[in-house]
Amino acid sequence: MADPQIRSRPGQSVMQWWTSDALAAFRQKMEEPSLPSDCRMCEIQEKSHGRSMRTDVNEQIDLQRLDAVYPSRWNVIFGNACNLACWTCSEHASSVIEAHKKKLGVIPVSHISTSDIFLQQWLSLRDTILMSYKHHAVITITILGGEPLYNKAVIDFLQHLVTNNLSTRTKLQFHTNATKMTRNIQQVLASGLWKYVCIFLSLDAVGVKAEWLRYGCNWLDIVSNIPDIRALADYCEVHCALSVLNIGDLPDLQHFCEQQDLPLKIYPISKPQFMSLEHWDGAVSDLVSTSMLTDHRYKSYLDLVGRTKNTSSKKLLRDYIKQFDTIRKPLRNFDSNIANILGL
């Protein structure tokens, strides 16, 4: 979960990556008294919520008795198959964004689809993951993407674990945009088949603003799917990707989560930089109301706004949004305030 992520090199096997100099150096940083800068997102979470992925994992694992010979936890990127084009996302995690950018001719010439890379590596990676069950009684698998419930490769893999009686030894967790809920998905994730299921709902706003931020979704479909998703999970919470585009939507999202009795975790994005709170070059009051400025629940996020101001961030954000004018509906139809601030 380091930021930036420590990725494997092309052609590098999982075990070569696991024992690489890059991961060895990162482990060495963990021996220092304070957290490395790579862990700053966990630090922000701990200041805001008192918890982070770091604290959650450390509660589950006895670090003094940790068997690191073979991984017991996997974060697997199943390509970029997705049905939405979220503004804070990229072609690396959304096939829709990839298609939009190809149509506009703005995708880098050097771009290789994440799904192509996944398909080249998947059979070897799958066998490596399955080997973990010979080393550990319980395996934790975090599914990344893309949208897991839209990805046939994900459903097929989960069915393989069920068929081979490995699902009851598997703690499964994944994010979903909550737009897809089929009978097949409900059957493969049915209660009793898994050791534990944790589902994070990716929501950044409510109503029509949610439909623009996570472009292509239908808010009413999401609301109607939430009870079915909760029925499949041992634990469920909402995760919000926080940017300059939606910091003003936090109170409404907080209210919705309280109505649904769902915990809300807020994650300020760092990329793309021109959408991040830290690089905003305007006033805080442009983005949020006075009442929100005095609400201490949001103080840690408001303190991020403009902390490392970039004088071109507003222009870069405006230009980025404008390039999609021929493909996507205008921001003004969904949030006239932000549209006015950006000159859209």
Protein backbone atom coordinates (compact mmCIF):
# COMPACT_ATOMS: atom_id res chain seq x y z
CA MET A 1 0.00 0.00 0.00
CA ALA A 2 3.01 2.26 -0.32
CA ASP A 3 2.50 5.51 -2.21
CA PRO A 4 3.98 5.40 -4.78
CA GLN A 5 3.26 1.69 -5.14
CA ILE A 6 6.17 -0.73 -5.39
CA ARG A 7 5.28 -2.56 -8.58
CA SER A 8 6.95 -5.54 -10.19
CA ARG A 9 8.97 -5.04 -13.35
CA PRO A 10 7.79 -6.53 -16.68
CA GLY A 11 8.75 -10.19 -16.80
CA GLN A 12 9.48 -10.34 -13.06
CA SER A 13 7.84 -13.28 -11.27
CA VAL A 14 5.94 -12.78 -8.02
CA MET A 15 8.70 -14.38 -5.97
CA GLN A 16 11.39 -12.32 -7.71
CA TRP A 17 9.39 -9.21 -6.80
CA TRP A 18 8.78 -10.50 -3.24
CA THR A 19 12.53 -10.82 -2.67
CA SER A 20 13.54 -7.77 -4.76
CA ASP A 21 15.86 -4.96 -3.66
CA ALA A 22 12.93 -2.52 -3.84
CA LEU A 23 10.85 -4.45 -1.30
CA ALA A 24 13.91 -5.17 0.85
CA ALA A 25 14.63 -1.43 1.01
CA PHE A 26 11.01 -0.69 1.93
CA ARG A 27 11.05 -3.32 4.70
CA GLN A 28 14.21 -1.72 6.03
CA LYS A 29 12.42 1.63 6.26
CA MET A 30 9.84 -0.05 8.48
CA GLU A 31 12.55 -0.63 11.09
CA GLU A 32 12.95 3.13 11.57
CA PRO A 33 11.24 4.92 14.51
CA SER A 34 8.78 6.86 12.32
CA LEU A 35 6.70 5.79 9.34
CA PRO A 36 8.36 6.31 5.95
CA SER A 37 6.97 9.01 3.66
CA ASP A 38 5.56 6.21 1.48
CA CYS A 39 3.02 5.60 4.29
CA ARG A 40 1.66 9.14 4.50
CA MET A 41 -1.87 8.11 3.40
CA CYS A 42 -2.11 5.80 6.41
CA GLU A 43 -0.87 8.65 8.61
CA ILE A 44 -3.66 10.92 7.29
CA GLN A 45 -6.23 8.17 7.94
CA GLU A 46 -5.01 7.66 11.48
CA LYS A 47 -5.23 11.38 12.21
CA SER A 48 -8.74 11.54 10.75
CA HIS A 49 -10.28 8.24 11.85
CA GLY A 50 -7.83 6.84 14.38
CA ARG A 51 -7.38 3.82 12.12
CA SER A 52 -5.87 2.88 8.78
CA MET A 53 -5.10 -0.20 6.74
CA ARG A 54 -1.78 -0.33 8.62
CA THR A 55 -3.44 -0.54 12.03
CA ASP A 56 -6.08 -3.00 10.77
CA VAL A 57 -3.47 -5.39 9.35
CA ASN A 58 -1.27 -5.12 12.44
CA GLU A 59 -4.21 -6.16 14.61
CA GLN A 60 -4.72 -9.27 12.50
CA ILE A 61 -1.10 -10.37 12.32
CA ASP A 62 1.37 -11.13 15.11
CA LEU A 63 4.39 -9.34 13.68
CA GLN A 64 6.71 -11.14 16.11
CA ARG A 65 5.63 -14.53 14.72
CA LEU A 66 5.04 -13.53 11.10
CA ASP A 67 5.95 -16.23 8.58
CA ALA A 68 7.14 -14.22 5.60
CA VAL A 69 8.47 -17.20 3.65
CA TYR A 70 5.42 -17.09 1.41
CA PRO A 71 2.69 -14.44 1.18
CA SER A 72 -0.55 -14.95 3.09
CA ARG A 73 -2.13 -11.72 1.80
CA TRP A 74 -2.63 -10.77 -1.83
CA ASN A 75 -3.66 -7.52 -3.52
CA VAL A 76 -4.45 -8.60 -7.07
CA ILE A 77 -5.11 -6.15 -9.93
CA PHE A 78 -7.45 -8.02 -12.29
CA GLY A 79 -6.84 -5.74 -15.25
CA ASN A 80 -8.93 -2.62 -15.89
CA ALA A 81 -12.34 -4.04 -16.83
CA CYS A 82 -14.85 -1.48 -15.55
CA ASN A 83 -18.26 -0.12 -16.48
CA LEU A 84 -17.63 3.46 -15.28
CA ALA A 85 -15.34 6.39 -16.09
CA CYS A 86 -14.66 8.00 -12.70
CA TRP A 87 -12.98 11.41 -13.01
CA THR A 88 -10.30 10.64 -10.41
CA CYS A 89 -9.45 7.36 -12.17
CA SER A 90 -7.36 6.62 -15.28
CA GLU A 91 -7.09 4.26 -18.21
CA HIS A 92 -4.97 1.96 -16.01
CA ALA A 93 -8.02 1.07 -13.89
CA SER A 94 -10.95 1.71 -16.23
CA SER A 95 -11.57 0.20 -19.66
CA VAL A 96 -14.21 2.89 -20.27
CA ILE A 97 -11.68 5.71 -19.71
CA GLU A 98 -9.28 3.79 -21.92
CA ALA A 99 -11.90 3.67 -24.69
CA HIS A 100 -12.78 7.37 -24.25
CA LYS A 101 -9.14 8.45 -24.49
CA LYS A 102 -8.54 6.25 -27.52
CA LYS A 103 -11.55 7.84 -29.24
CA LEU A 104 -10.22 11.32 -28.40
CA GLY A 105 -6.68 10.41 -29.46
CA VAL A 106 -5.16 11.50 -26.14
CA ILE A 107 -3.91 8.17 -24.84
CA PRO A 108 -0.08 7.88 -24.78
CA VAL A 109 1.43 6.03 -27.72
CA SER A 110 3.37 3.86 -25.25
CA HIS A 111 0.17 2.80 -23.43
CA ILE A 112 -0.24 -0.93 -22.85
CA SER A 113 -3.64 -1.95 -21.51
CA THR A 114 -3.65 -3.18 -17.92
CA SER A 115 -5.96 -5.98 -19.06
CA ASP A 116 -3.40 -7.14 -21.64
CA ILE A 117 -0.69 -7.22 -18.97
CA PHE A 118 -3.05 -9.11 -16.64
CA LEU A 119 -3.90 -11.74 -19.25
CA GLN A 120 -0.20 -12.36 -19.93
CA GLN A 121 0.52 -12.90 -16.23
CA TRP A 122 -2.69 -14.35 -14.82
CA LEU A 123 -2.16 -18.11 -15.19
CA SER A 124 1.24 -17.95 -13.51
CA LEU A 125 -0.02 -15.54 -10.85
CA ARG A 126 -3.09 -17.67 -10.13
CA ASP A 127 -0.92 -20.74 -9.52
CA THR A 128 1.31 -18.68 -7.21
CA ILE A 129 -1.69 -17.50 -5.20
CA LEU A 130 -3.07 -21.04 -4.94
CA MET A 131 0.33 -22.19 -3.62
CA SER A 132 -0.25 -19.93 -0.60
CA TYR A 133 -2.91 -22.31 0.68
CA LYS A 134 -0.15 -24.92 1.20
CA HIS A 135 1.73 -22.53 3.49
CA HIS A 136 -1.08 -20.85 5.46
CA ALA A 137 -4.40 -21.93 6.97
CA VAL A 138 -6.12 -18.70 5.93
CA ILE A 139 -5.39 -16.49 2.92
CA THR A 140 -6.50 -12.87 2.53
CA ILE A 141 -7.23 -11.75 -1.03
CA THR A 142 -7.94 -8.13 -1.90
CA ILE A 143 -9.34 -7.80 -5.42
CA LEU A 144 -8.43 -4.63 -7.26
CA GLY A 145 -9.29 -3.39 -10.73
CA GLY A 146 -11.40 -2.17 -12.44
CA GLU A 147 -14.78 -3.12 -11.10
CA PRO A 148 -14.52 -6.65 -9.62
CA LEU A 149 -18.22 -7.47 -10.01
CA TYR A 150 -18.07 -6.52 -13.71
CA ASN A 151 -15.01 -8.66 -14.43
CA LYS A 152 -15.57 -12.24 -15.63
CA ALA A 153 -12.01 -13.23 -14.65
CA VAL A 154 -12.77 -12.27 -11.03
CA ILE A 155 -16.03 -14.24 -10.88
CA ASP A 156 -14.37 -17.27 -12.50
CA PHE A 157 -11.52 -17.17 -9.95
CA LEU A 158 -13.92 -16.89 -7.02
CA GLN A 159 -15.91 -19.83 -8.40
CA HIS A 160 -12.66 -21.82 -8.67
CA LEU A 161 -11.96 -21.21 -4.97
CA VAL A 162 -15.51 -22.28 -4.07
CA THR A 163 -15.38 -25.41 -6.25
CA ASN A 164 -12.04 -26.47 -4.77
CA ASN A 165 -13.13 -25.88 -1.16
CA LEU A 166 -10.65 -23.05 -0.67
CA SER A 167 -13.18 -20.26 -0.18
CA THR A 168 -13.84 -21.24 3.45
CA ARG A 169 -10.14 -20.58 4.08
CA THR A 170 -10.26 -17.22 2.30
CA LYS A 171 -10.80 -13.75 3.69
CA LEU A 172 -12.05 -11.82 0.69
CA GLN A 173 -12.20 -8.06 0.33
CA PHE A 174 -12.83 -5.75 -2.58
CA HIS A 175 -14.14 -2.36 -3.64
CA THR A 176 -17.24 -2.09 -5.77
CA ASN A 177 -19.02 0.84 -7.38
CA ALA A 178 -22.27 -0.91 -6.34
CA THR A 179 -23.76 -0.79 -9.83
CA LYS A 180 -23.60 -4.53 -10.58
CA MET A 181 -25.50 -7.17 -8.64
CA THR A 182 -26.49 -10.32 -10.53
CA ARG A 183 -27.78 -13.70 -9.39
CA ASN A 184 -24.43 -15.26 -10.39
CA ILE A 185 -22.55 -12.81 -8.15
CA GLN A 186 -24.93 -13.45 -5.27
CA GLN A 187 -24.44 -17.21 -5.61
CA VAL A 188 -20.63 -17.13 -5.68
CA LEU A 189 -20.48 -14.76 -2.68
CA ALA A 190 -23.23 -16.50 -0.71
CA SER A 191 -23.02 -16.58 3.08
CA GLY A 192 -21.19 -19.62 4.45
CA LEU A 193 -18.94 -20.11 1.42
CA TRP A 194 -16.19 -17.77 2.66
CA LYS A 195 -14.14 -17.34 5.81
CA TYR A 196 -14.93 -13.62 5.75
CA VAL A 197 -16.18 -11.13 3.17
CA CYS A 198 -15.44 -7.42 3.43
CA ILE A 199 -16.97 -5.12 0.81
CA PHE A 200 -16.06 -1.46 0.39
CA LEU A 201 -18.55 0.70 -1.49
CA SER A 202 -16.87 3.37 -3.60
CA LEU A 203 -19.10 6.44 -3.29
CA ASP A 204 -17.92 10.04 -3.70
CA ALA A 205 -21.20 11.98 -3.50
CA VAL A 206 -24.96 11.43 -3.64
CA GLY A 207 -27.62 11.92 -6.30
CA VAL A 208 -26.78 13.44 -9.68
CA LYS A 209 -23.34 14.60 -8.50
CA ALA A 210 -22.45 10.97 -7.82
CA GLU A 211 -23.53 10.15 -11.38
CA TRP A 212 -21.07 12.69 -12.78
CA LEU A 213 -18.12 11.92 -10.48
CA ARG A 214 -18.37 8.17 -11.11
CA TYR A 215 -19.41 8.79 -14.68
CA GLY A 216 -21.91 6.33 -16.11
CA CYS A 217 -23.55 5.17 -12.88
CA ASN A 218 -27.21 5.48 -11.91
CA TRP A 219 -27.67 6.67 -8.32
CA LEU A 220 -31.04 4.93 -7.84
CA ASP A 221 -29.51 1.62 -8.96
CA ILE A 222 -26.75 2.03 -6.38
CA VAL A 223 -29.23 2.73 -3.58
CA SER A 224 -31.32 -0.30 -4.53
CA ASN A 225 -28.24 -2.57 -4.69
CA ILE A 226 -26.84 -1.62 -1.28
CA PRO A 227 -29.13 -3.97 0.76
CA ASP A 228 -28.16 -6.95 -1.46
CA ILE A 229 -24.46 -6.11 -1.19
CA ARG A 230 -24.68 -5.77 2.59
CA ALA A 231 -26.40 -9.16 2.79
CA LEU A 232 -23.32 -10.77 1.20
CA ALA A 233 -20.74 -9.11 3.45
CA ASP A 234 -19.58 -9.75 6.99
CA TYR A 235 -18.47 -6.13 6.99
CA CYS A 236 -19.32 -3.26 4.70
CA GLU A 237 -18.26 0.40 4.64
CA VAL A 238 -18.18 3.34 2.24
CA HIS A 239 -14.91 4.66 0.85
CA CYS A 240 -14.78 8.15 -0.64
CA ALA A 241 -12.00 9.27 -3.00
CA LEU A 242 -11.65 12.89 -1.93
CA SER A 243 -10.61 15.58 -4.41
CA VAL A 244 -11.29 19.24 -5.12
CA LEU A 245 -14.28 18.03 -7.17
CA ASN A 246 -16.19 16.62 -4.20
CA ILE A 247 -14.91 18.03 -0.90
CA GLY A 248 -18.03 20.18 -0.79
CA ASP A 249 -20.18 17.04 -1.11
CA LEU A 250 -18.89 15.45 2.10
CA PRO A 251 -21.77 16.59 4.37
CA ASP A 252 -24.43 15.07 2.06
CA LEU A 253 -22.44 11.85 1.70
CA GLN A 254 -21.93 11.69 5.47
CA HIS A 255 -25.69 12.12 5.99
CA PHE A 256 -26.47 9.37 3.47
CA CYS A 257 -24.06 6.96 5.16
CA GLU A 258 -25.60 7.70 8.55
CA GLN A 259 -29.06 6.97 7.11
CA GLN A 260 -27.78 3.67 5.71
CA ASP A 261 -25.91 2.88 8.95
CA LEU A 262 -22.68 2.52 6.96
CA PRO A 263 -19.27 3.68 8.21
CA LEU A 264 -17.62 6.29 5.98
CA LYS A 265 -13.86 6.37 5.34
CA ILE A 266 -12.41 9.28 3.38
CA TYR A 267 -9.25 8.95 1.31
CA PRO A 268 -7.72 12.14 -0.13
CA ILE A 269 -6.27 11.38 -3.55
CA SER A 270 -2.71 12.31 -4.48
CA LYS A 271 -3.03 11.62 -8.22
CA PRO A 272 -3.77 13.21 -10.56
CA GLN A 273 -2.09 16.10 -8.76
CA PHE A 274 -4.32 18.78 -10.33
CA MET A 275 -7.35 17.17 -8.65
CA SER A 276 -5.71 16.76 -5.24
CA LEU A 277 -6.59 19.04 -2.35
CA GLU A 278 -2.94 19.73 -1.62
CA HIS A 279 -2.25 21.36 -4.99
CA TRP A 280 -5.43 23.51 -5.21
CA ASP A 281 -4.45 27.08 -6.10
CA GLY A 282 -7.73 28.77 -5.16
CA ALA A 283 -9.37 29.67 -1.87
CA VAL A 284 -10.75 26.99 0.46
CA SER A 285 -14.03 28.95 0.55
CA ASP A 286 -14.38 28.39 -3.21
CA LEU A 287 -14.77 24.66 -2.60
CA VAL A 288 -16.76 24.45 0.65
CA SER A 289 -19.42 26.29 2.60
CA THR A 290 -18.80 28.32 5.76
CA SER A 291 -20.68 25.75 7.85
CA MET A 292 -18.37 23.00 6.66
CA LEU A 293 -15.33 25.10 7.54
CA THR A 294 -16.52 25.15 11.15
CA ASP A 295 -17.33 21.41 11.28
CA HIS A 296 -14.37 19.76 13.02
CA ARG A 297 -15.11 16.38 11.40
CA TYR A 298 -13.59 17.74 8.21
CA LYS A 299 -10.71 19.79 9.66
CA SER A 300 -7.95 17.36 8.66
CA TYR A 301 -9.14 17.42 5.04
CA LEU A 302 -9.60 21.18 4.93
CA ASP A 303 -6.07 21.56 6.27
CA LEU A 304 -4.81 19.75 3.16
CA VAL A 305 -6.30 22.30 0.75
CA GLY A 306 -3.53 24.32 -0.88
CA ARG A 307 -0.82 22.93 1.42
CA THR A 308 1.58 22.58 -1.51
CA LYS A 309 -0.15 24.99 -3.87
CA ASN A 310 0.42 24.57 -7.61
CA THR A 311 -0.45 27.76 -9.48
CA SER A 312 -1.49 25.83 -12.60
CA SER A 313 -3.66 23.16 -10.98
CA LYS A 314 -6.98 24.88 -11.68
CA LYS A 315 -6.09 25.37 -15.36
CA LEU A 316 -4.87 21.78 -15.70
CA LEU A 317 -8.09 20.48 -14.14
CA ARG A 318 -10.24 22.67 -16.40
CA ASP A 319 -8.33 21.56 -19.51
CA TYR A 320 -8.57 17.89 -18.49
CA ILE A 321 -12.35 18.05 -18.07
CA LYS A 322 -12.88 20.05 -21.26
CA GLN A 323 -11.16 17.45 -23.43
CA PHE A 324 -14.08 15.08 -22.77
CA ASP A 325 -16.75 17.61 -23.88
CA THR A 326 -17.67 15.60 -26.98
CA ILE A 327 -18.10 12.36 -25.02
CA ARG A 328 -19.41 13.19 -21.55
CA LYS A 329 -22.15 15.43 -20.19
CA PRO A 330 -20.93 18.82 -18.88
CA LEU A 331 -20.16 19.36 -15.19
CA ARG A 332 -22.49 22.38 -15.20
CA ASN A 333 -25.49 20.02 -15.42
CA PHE A 334 -24.48 18.44 -12.12
CA ASP A 335 -22.62 21.10 -10.07
CA SER A 336 -22.84 24.68 -11.30
CA ASN A 337 -20.70 25.99 -8.41
CA ILE A 338 -17.62 23.92 -9.26
CA ALA A 339 -18.26 24.60 -12.96
CA ASN A 340 -18.20 28.35 -12.29
CA ILE A 341 -15.02 28.10 -10.21
CA LEU A 342 -13.28 26.21 -13.01
CA GLY A 343 -14.73 28.38 -15.77
CA LEU A 344 -16.58 25.52 -17.43
